[in-house]
Structure formats: C-alpha cells, structure tokens
Amino acid sequence: MKNYKYSLDKSSRKFICPKCKKKAFVKFIETETQSYLSDGLGRCDRESSCGYYSAPNSDIVSLKYKRTVAPVVASFHGLELVEKSFMVNSQNNFIQFLNSIFSAKEVKEAVLKYFICSSKRWNGASVFWQIDNYERVHAGKILAYNPETGKRSKSNDGKASIDWVHSILKRKGIVNEFNLNQCLFGLHLIKDIKVKAIGLVESEKTAVIMSIFKPNYTWLATGSKSGFKYGFLKPIQHYEIIAFPDKSDYNDWLIKSKQLNKFGFDIVVNDWLEKSNYIDGTDLADVLINEKFKQIENGR
C-alpha cells in the first residue's frame, strides 16, 4: 500500500476557509508528523457553495501547528433525551408546513416515524434526531423552516439557521465533551425487516416529505452533499439504494457511487432531476411540493 506524505485531517477540527470565510475548512497534514500545513492548503466542506481546494506539492511543506493524535470515542445521547424533546410544547414550523399539504394522519405518522421534535432554540425550530439501527442517538440537528414555504429560515447575516443539541448542552454546562459521530438520518428504520429499497436524499426535510409522497421506499438522508460516503452508507451496504441528489450534485454522487459499488454496494443514482430545467440546488421534494400546491390551487 502506498504511503502518502500528506492527507486531509480526519479529526473534527475546522478552520476559517480562505475563500468563503466560513468555519468549514479542513487542513492538510503531514502524515508522518501529524502536523498541519500552511493555512491555505486544504478543502472547504461547503462543496456546492464554495468548493475551495488547494493541495500541497513537493515544494510546499510549511509546518505551523502541532497536535497529539489520540483515538476518538464517539459520543451518544440517551434515548430519554429524545423522549423528553417530544414533550417540548412550542411551535414547530416544519410540522405546520407539512400540515398545509398533507393530511393530519400522514403528518402524524411521519413525525413519529422520524422522531421529529420541537426546539426552543429559535421560534418554530425542529429537532431531527440521528438514530442508528442499534437505537444509538448520534446527534440532534436543529433546523428552522418557514411555515408557509417549507424553505430553510436564515438569520440576518444570510446564514441558514442550524444548531446541534450537544452544542446547546455544552453551552449550558450540562456536558463537557461530546465527540460528534453522525449517521444517516432515518437509519433506525432499517431495523424493519420489510425494508427492501432505500431512497437516499440529501436533506432531512426531503426524506420526511418523500416518505409521504412515495412510501414504497424507505427514505434516508445524508444531511449534506458530502454525507454520501462509505462511513455513512456502510450500515445500508446490503440494501438496494436509489440515490436522488440535489440538482447539480449528480456527477459527484455518480462518481462516488461507482467507487462504492466496487465495495459491494448496490447504488443507482437517479438523473431525472439533473436533466430537468429546475435551478441548481432543487431537490426532489421541492418538485413534488410545487406540484402539490398546484393541485391544491386547482381544487379551490
């Protein structure tokens, strides 16, 4: 096996990206010393909206940081925290949006199926719990949506509102450390022996909505474009997987799927959205929601 001189840092540490100025930059390290290279060498995790990438060459070995590498043990929330979050009595904009296009029965089933809870982090915010097939709670992702459009809410600086349950617990001093180790959203559903084909999408919202539109699939979400990778997908390796990337992400997922299929996966990447005239960033749920609204309008 070839030993590479440099590699991207595999820890959870992120730096400020030199291009987009967001804290989403993963630096290159020298594999032998585990030392960070100079500031501009690395990759921004905001692949679709930024895409910054700068790799080292034989002439660039500027070491500025030293760190000690130690095994990282994943942290998990207790199931009782999920149960407690169901008791939060506050407005939930995402559920309100679902109720505007689906029946109360359909919405209730989806909410219970995916453990969608409310959060007081922002007015109307939702918690999307990442629970695996062994009922381990990896994370609670907090997102805010517009109750009328179903689109992500943004703060005054234009950033989409996102937070994590473990981050809130740390800020409150309830927990000291939490080693985040994410999994696919909806992964707990593969415990059902009736699961046959898995529909894989990027956003949690899309997985929930598609479970109502197309219940013949078991819908899971990667949480982001970069979540389409071996570590996330390994638990569903032996299932038939139909991947539905957002518009403009098709080629990236197609290339990765071919690599994954060499390791025993059965992944087909659907290209319908990529061939459509929809704008970049459109996902499958956006299309079906628009059609649903048209039906509602025509029925009036």
Protein backbone atom coordinates (compact mmCIF):
# COMPACT_ATOMS: atom_id res chain seq x y z
CA MET A 1 0.00 0.00 0.00
CA LYS A 2 1.32 3.44 -0.91
CA ASN A 3 2.15 5.74 2.00
CA TYR A 4 1.10 9.27 1.18
CA LYS A 5 3.14 12.19 2.53
CA TYR A 6 0.08 14.38 3.03
CA SER A 7 -3.58 13.78 3.78
CA LEU A 8 -6.61 15.78 4.84
CA ASP A 9 -7.07 15.98 8.60
CA LYS A 10 -9.54 13.29 9.74
CA SER A 11 -10.36 14.96 13.05
CA SER A 12 -13.46 17.13 13.55
CA ARG A 13 -11.44 20.35 13.75
CA LYS A 14 -12.39 23.06 11.24
CA PHE A 15 -10.74 26.37 10.33
CA ILE A 16 -11.83 29.55 8.52
CA CYS A 17 -11.94 28.99 4.76
CA PRO A 18 -9.71 31.47 2.89
CA LYS A 19 -12.38 31.85 0.18
CA CYS A 20 -15.84 31.89 1.77
CA LYS A 21 -14.65 32.88 5.29
CA LYS A 22 -16.80 30.18 6.90
CA LYS A 23 -15.52 27.81 9.59
CA ALA A 24 -15.65 24.81 7.27
CA PHE A 25 -12.02 24.41 6.20
CA VAL A 26 -10.19 21.07 6.61
CA LYS A 27 -6.42 21.41 6.50
CA PHE A 28 -3.84 19.06 5.06
CA ILE A 29 -1.46 17.37 7.50
CA GLU A 30 1.90 15.71 7.05
CA THR A 31 1.11 12.06 7.75
CA GLU A 32 4.39 11.23 9.47
CA THR A 33 4.38 14.10 11.98
CA GLN A 34 0.61 14.73 12.07
CA SER A 35 1.39 18.46 11.72
CA TYR A 36 -0.82 20.96 9.91
CA LEU A 37 0.49 22.53 6.72
CA SER A 38 0.18 26.25 5.96
CA ASP A 39 -3.20 27.98 6.20
CA GLY A 40 -4.24 27.90 2.54
CA LEU A 41 -3.74 24.18 1.98
CA GLY A 42 -6.91 22.17 2.41
CA ARG A 43 -10.53 21.77 1.35
CA CYS A 44 -13.72 23.63 2.21
CA ASP A 45 -16.56 21.33 3.28
CA ARG A 46 -19.06 23.70 1.63
CA GLU A 47 -18.51 21.89 -1.65
CA SER A 48 -21.50 23.21 -3.57
CA SER A 49 -21.48 26.85 -2.45
CA CYS A 50 -17.71 27.37 -2.13
CA GLY A 51 -15.64 24.49 -3.49
CA TYR A 52 -12.23 25.83 -2.39
CA TYR A 53 -9.47 23.22 -2.65
CA SER A 54 -5.70 23.62 -2.57
CA ALA A 55 -3.38 20.63 -2.32
CA PRO A 56 0.29 20.63 -1.32
CA ASN A 57 3.11 19.74 -3.69
CA SER A 58 6.71 18.71 -3.12
CA ASP A 59 7.82 22.32 -2.71
CA ILE A 60 5.29 23.22 0.00
CA VAL A 61 5.98 21.91 3.48
CA SER A 62 5.32 24.80 5.85
CA LEU A 63 4.52 23.42 9.30
CA LYS A 64 2.74 25.76 11.70
CA TYR A 65 0.70 23.61 14.02
CA LYS A 66 1.44 20.59 16.20
CA ARG A 67 -1.16 18.30 17.71
CA THR A 68 -1.25 15.00 19.55
CA VAL A 69 -3.33 12.32 17.88
CA ALA A 70 -5.45 10.17 20.19
CA PRO A 71 -8.26 7.71 19.49
CA VAL A 72 -11.62 9.49 19.40
CA VAL A 73 -14.50 7.64 21.05
CA ALA A 74 -17.91 8.55 19.64
CA SER A 75 -20.42 10.15 21.99
CA PHE A 76 -24.14 9.36 22.09
CA HIS A 77 -27.20 10.98 23.61
CA GLY A 78 -29.52 8.93 25.79
CA LEU A 79 -32.87 7.84 24.35
CA GLU A 80 -34.53 9.57 27.29
CA LEU A 81 -33.40 12.90 25.82
CA VAL A 82 -35.31 12.11 22.62
CA GLU A 83 -38.38 11.21 24.67
CA LYS A 84 -38.04 14.43 26.65
CA SER A 85 -37.82 16.51 23.48
CA PHE A 86 -41.21 15.15 22.39
CA MET A 87 -42.62 16.94 25.43
CA VAL A 88 -41.38 20.37 24.30
CA ASN A 89 -44.54 22.40 23.82
CA SER A 90 -43.64 25.04 21.26
CA GLN A 91 -44.46 25.96 17.69
CA ASN A 92 -42.94 23.72 15.03
CA ASN A 93 -42.82 25.46 11.66
CA PHE A 94 -41.80 22.35 9.74
CA ILE A 95 -44.74 20.32 11.05
CA GLN A 96 -47.00 23.30 10.39
CA PHE A 97 -45.81 23.30 6.78
CA LEU A 98 -46.42 19.56 6.45
CA ASN A 99 -49.97 20.05 7.70
CA SER A 100 -50.57 22.57 4.91
CA ILE A 101 -50.04 19.96 2.17
CA PHE A 102 -50.76 16.58 3.77
CA SER A 103 -53.49 15.08 5.92
CA ALA A 104 -53.18 15.15 9.71
CA LYS A 105 -52.85 11.35 9.74
CA GLU A 106 -49.99 11.37 7.22
CA VAL A 107 -48.14 14.08 9.12
CA LYS A 108 -48.53 12.38 12.49
CA GLU A 109 -47.20 9.10 11.11
CA ALA A 110 -44.17 10.83 9.56
CA VAL A 111 -43.42 12.82 12.73
CA LEU A 112 -43.45 9.69 14.89
CA LYS A 113 -41.59 7.64 12.30
CA TYR A 114 -38.65 10.07 12.12
CA PHE A 115 -38.77 11.35 15.72
CA ILE A 116 -39.29 14.99 14.68
CA CYS A 117 -39.42 17.18 17.77
CA SER A 118 -39.68 20.87 18.60
CA SER A 119 -36.91 23.10 19.90
CA LYS A 120 -36.92 26.49 21.60
CA ARG A 121 -33.55 27.35 20.04
CA TRP A 122 -35.45 29.53 17.57
CA ASN A 123 -39.13 30.22 17.33
CA GLY A 124 -40.65 27.28 15.43
CA ALA A 125 -37.42 25.25 15.18
CA SER A 126 -37.33 21.46 14.73
CA VAL A 127 -35.01 18.73 16.00
CA PHE A 128 -34.05 15.98 13.57
CA TRP A 129 -32.55 13.12 15.58
CA GLN A 130 -29.90 10.88 14.03
CA ILE A 131 -30.60 7.42 15.46
CA ASP A 132 -28.90 4.31 14.10
CA ASN A 133 -30.14 0.76 13.65
CA TYR A 134 -28.92 -0.12 17.17
CA GLU A 135 -31.01 2.71 18.69
CA ARG A 136 -27.94 4.78 19.49
CA VAL A 137 -28.63 8.51 19.31
CA HIS A 138 -25.73 10.07 17.39
CA ALA A 139 -26.96 13.66 17.23
CA GLY A 140 -29.84 16.08 17.33
CA LYS A 141 -29.72 18.52 14.42
CA ILE A 142 -31.76 21.68 14.96
CA LEU A 143 -33.10 23.43 11.87
CA ALA A 144 -35.57 26.25 11.31
CA TYR A 145 -38.08 26.45 8.46
CA ASN A 146 -40.56 28.91 7.05
CA PRO A 147 -44.05 27.53 7.89
CA GLU A 148 -45.54 28.74 4.59
CA THR A 149 -42.85 27.79 2.06
CA GLY A 150 -41.05 24.94 3.81
CA LYS A 151 -37.73 26.61 2.97
CA ARG A 152 -34.88 26.92 5.48
CA SER A 153 -35.02 30.08 7.57
CA LYS A 154 -31.99 32.37 7.54
CA SER A 155 -30.56 34.78 10.08
CA ASN A 156 -29.92 38.47 9.43
CA ASP A 157 -26.49 37.70 8.00
CA GLY A 158 -27.99 35.36 5.40
CA LYS A 159 -26.85 32.12 7.03
CA ALA A 160 -29.25 29.19 7.28
CA SER A 161 -30.23 28.57 10.90
CA ILE A 162 -28.62 25.38 12.21
CA ASP A 163 -27.50 24.20 15.64
CA TRP A 164 -26.94 20.91 17.48
CA VAL A 165 -28.38 19.55 20.71
CA HIS A 166 -24.91 18.65 22.00
CA SER A 167 -23.69 22.20 21.32
CA ILE A 168 -26.53 23.64 23.39
CA LEU A 169 -25.83 21.18 26.22
CA LYS A 170 -22.16 22.19 26.18
CA ARG A 171 -23.00 25.90 26.25
CA LYS A 172 -25.26 25.29 29.25
CA GLY A 173 -22.53 23.31 31.02
CA ILE A 174 -24.64 20.14 31.09
CA VAL A 175 -21.98 18.18 29.20
CA ASN A 176 -18.27 18.93 28.97
CA GLU A 177 -17.28 16.98 25.88
CA PHE A 178 -19.20 15.45 23.00
CA ASN A 179 -17.45 13.71 20.13
CA LEU A 180 -19.90 14.07 17.26
CA ASN A 181 -20.11 11.00 15.04
CA GLN A 182 -23.01 11.46 12.65
CA CYS A 183 -25.05 8.77 10.91
CA LEU A 184 -27.71 8.79 8.21
CA PHE A 185 -30.95 10.45 9.20
CA GLY A 186 -33.62 7.73 9.39
CA LEU A 187 -31.09 4.90 9.80
CA HIS A 188 -33.17 3.42 12.63
CA LEU A 189 -35.80 2.49 10.03
CA ILE A 190 -33.70 -0.30 8.51
CA LYS A 191 -34.49 -2.43 11.57
CA ASP A 192 -37.80 -3.13 9.87
CA ILE A 193 -37.48 -6.50 8.11
CA LYS A 194 -39.87 -5.25 5.41
CA VAL A 195 -37.30 -2.75 4.12
CA LYS A 196 -36.38 -3.51 0.51
CA ALA A 197 -35.33 -0.46 -1.49
CA ILE A 198 -33.84 2.63 0.13
CA GLY A 199 -34.38 6.11 -1.29
CA LEU A 200 -31.38 8.26 -0.38
CA VAL A 201 -31.54 12.06 -0.47
CA GLU A 202 -29.51 14.94 0.92
CA SER A 203 -31.79 16.82 3.34
CA GLU A 204 -33.77 15.57 6.31
CA LYS A 205 -36.78 17.57 5.13
CA THR A 206 -36.75 15.78 1.78
CA ALA A 207 -36.57 12.33 3.40
CA VAL A 208 -39.59 13.06 5.57
CA ILE A 209 -41.65 14.54 2.74
CA MET A 210 -40.74 11.76 0.29
CA SER A 211 -41.81 9.15 2.85
CA ILE A 212 -45.33 10.54 2.44
CA PHE A 213 -45.21 11.05 -1.32
CA LYS A 214 -43.51 7.71 -2.11
CA PRO A 215 -43.96 5.29 0.83
CA ASN A 216 -42.80 2.30 -1.24
CA TYR A 217 -39.21 3.35 -0.44
CA THR A 218 -37.56 3.68 2.95
CA TRP A 219 -36.22 7.24 2.83
CA LEU A 220 -32.93 8.21 4.48
CA ALA A 221 -30.87 11.41 4.27
CA THR A 222 -27.14 12.09 4.23
CA GLY A 223 -27.63 15.54 5.77
CA SER A 224 -25.39 17.15 3.14
CA LYS A 225 -23.79 16.53 -0.23
CA SER A 226 -20.58 15.34 1.47
CA GLY A 227 -22.51 12.79 3.55
CA PHE A 228 -22.65 10.49 0.52
CA LYS A 229 -19.62 8.44 1.60
CA TYR A 230 -18.59 4.99 2.78
CA GLY A 231 -18.63 5.75 6.51
CA PHE A 232 -22.23 6.96 6.40
CA LEU A 233 -23.51 4.35 3.95
CA LYS A 234 -21.82 1.24 5.38
CA PRO A 235 -24.88 0.20 7.50
CA ILE A 236 -27.02 0.04 4.33
CA GLN A 237 -24.40 -1.66 2.17
CA HIS A 238 -26.52 -4.75 1.53
CA TYR A 239 -29.69 -2.91 0.52
CA GLU A 240 -30.82 -1.74 -2.89
CA ILE A 241 -30.15 2.02 -2.87
CA ILE A 242 -31.66 4.59 -5.22
CA ALA A 243 -29.88 7.91 -4.73
CA PHE A 244 -31.60 11.21 -5.57
CA PRO A 245 -29.02 14.02 -5.33
CA ASP A 246 -29.96 17.68 -5.47
CA LYS A 247 -29.75 19.37 -8.87
CA SER A 248 -26.04 19.99 -9.75
CA ASP A 249 -24.75 17.29 -7.37
CA TYR A 250 -25.48 14.36 -9.71
CA ASN A 251 -21.99 13.95 -11.19
CA ASP A 252 -20.33 13.98 -7.78
CA TRP A 253 -22.66 11.29 -6.42
CA LEU A 254 -22.37 9.25 -9.62
CA ILE A 255 -18.58 9.12 -9.35
CA LYS A 256 -18.75 8.17 -5.67
CA SER A 257 -21.43 5.53 -6.32
CA LYS A 258 -19.19 3.77 -8.84
CA GLN A 259 -16.43 3.63 -6.25
CA LEU A 260 -18.79 2.37 -3.55
CA ASN A 261 -20.27 -0.29 -5.82
CA LYS A 262 -16.80 -1.81 -6.11
CA PHE A 263 -17.03 -2.49 -2.36
CA GLY A 264 -20.29 -4.41 -2.59
CA PHE A 265 -22.86 -1.61 -2.61
CA ASP A 266 -25.86 -1.64 -4.95
CA ILE A 267 -26.37 2.05 -5.72
CA VAL A 268 -28.16 3.59 -8.68
CA VAL A 269 -28.04 7.38 -8.96
CA ASN A 270 -31.23 8.81 -10.45
CA ASP A 271 -30.57 11.51 -13.09
CA TRP A 272 -34.12 12.79 -13.67
CA LEU A 273 -33.62 15.99 -11.69
CA GLU A 274 -30.22 16.66 -13.26
CA LYS A 275 -31.75 16.52 -16.74
CA SER A 276 -34.62 18.81 -15.79
CA ASN A 277 -34.82 22.59 -16.22
CA TYR A 278 -35.01 23.26 -12.49
CA ILE A 279 -32.44 25.59 -10.95
CA ASP A 280 -29.33 24.25 -9.22
CA GLY A 281 -29.96 23.22 -5.63
CA THR A 282 -33.50 21.99 -6.31
CA ASP A 283 -34.30 18.69 -4.62
CA LEU A 284 -36.91 16.03 -5.25
CA ALA A 285 -39.24 17.30 -2.53
CA ASP A 286 -39.20 20.83 -4.00
CA VAL A 287 -40.57 19.49 -7.28
CA LEU A 288 -43.33 17.40 -5.72
CA ILE A 289 -44.29 20.19 -3.31
CA ASN A 290 -44.75 22.58 -6.22
CA GLU A 291 -46.98 20.03 -7.94
CA LYS A 292 -48.93 19.52 -4.72
CA PHE A 293 -49.52 23.26 -4.33
CA LYS A 294 -50.77 23.42 -7.93
CA GLN A 295 -53.25 20.62 -7.19
CA ILE A 296 -54.44 22.44 -4.08
CA GLU A 297 -54.87 25.70 -6.01
CA ASN A 298 -56.71 23.99 -8.87
CA GLY A 299 -59.02 22.27 -6.42
CA ARG A 300 -60.25 25.54 -4.97
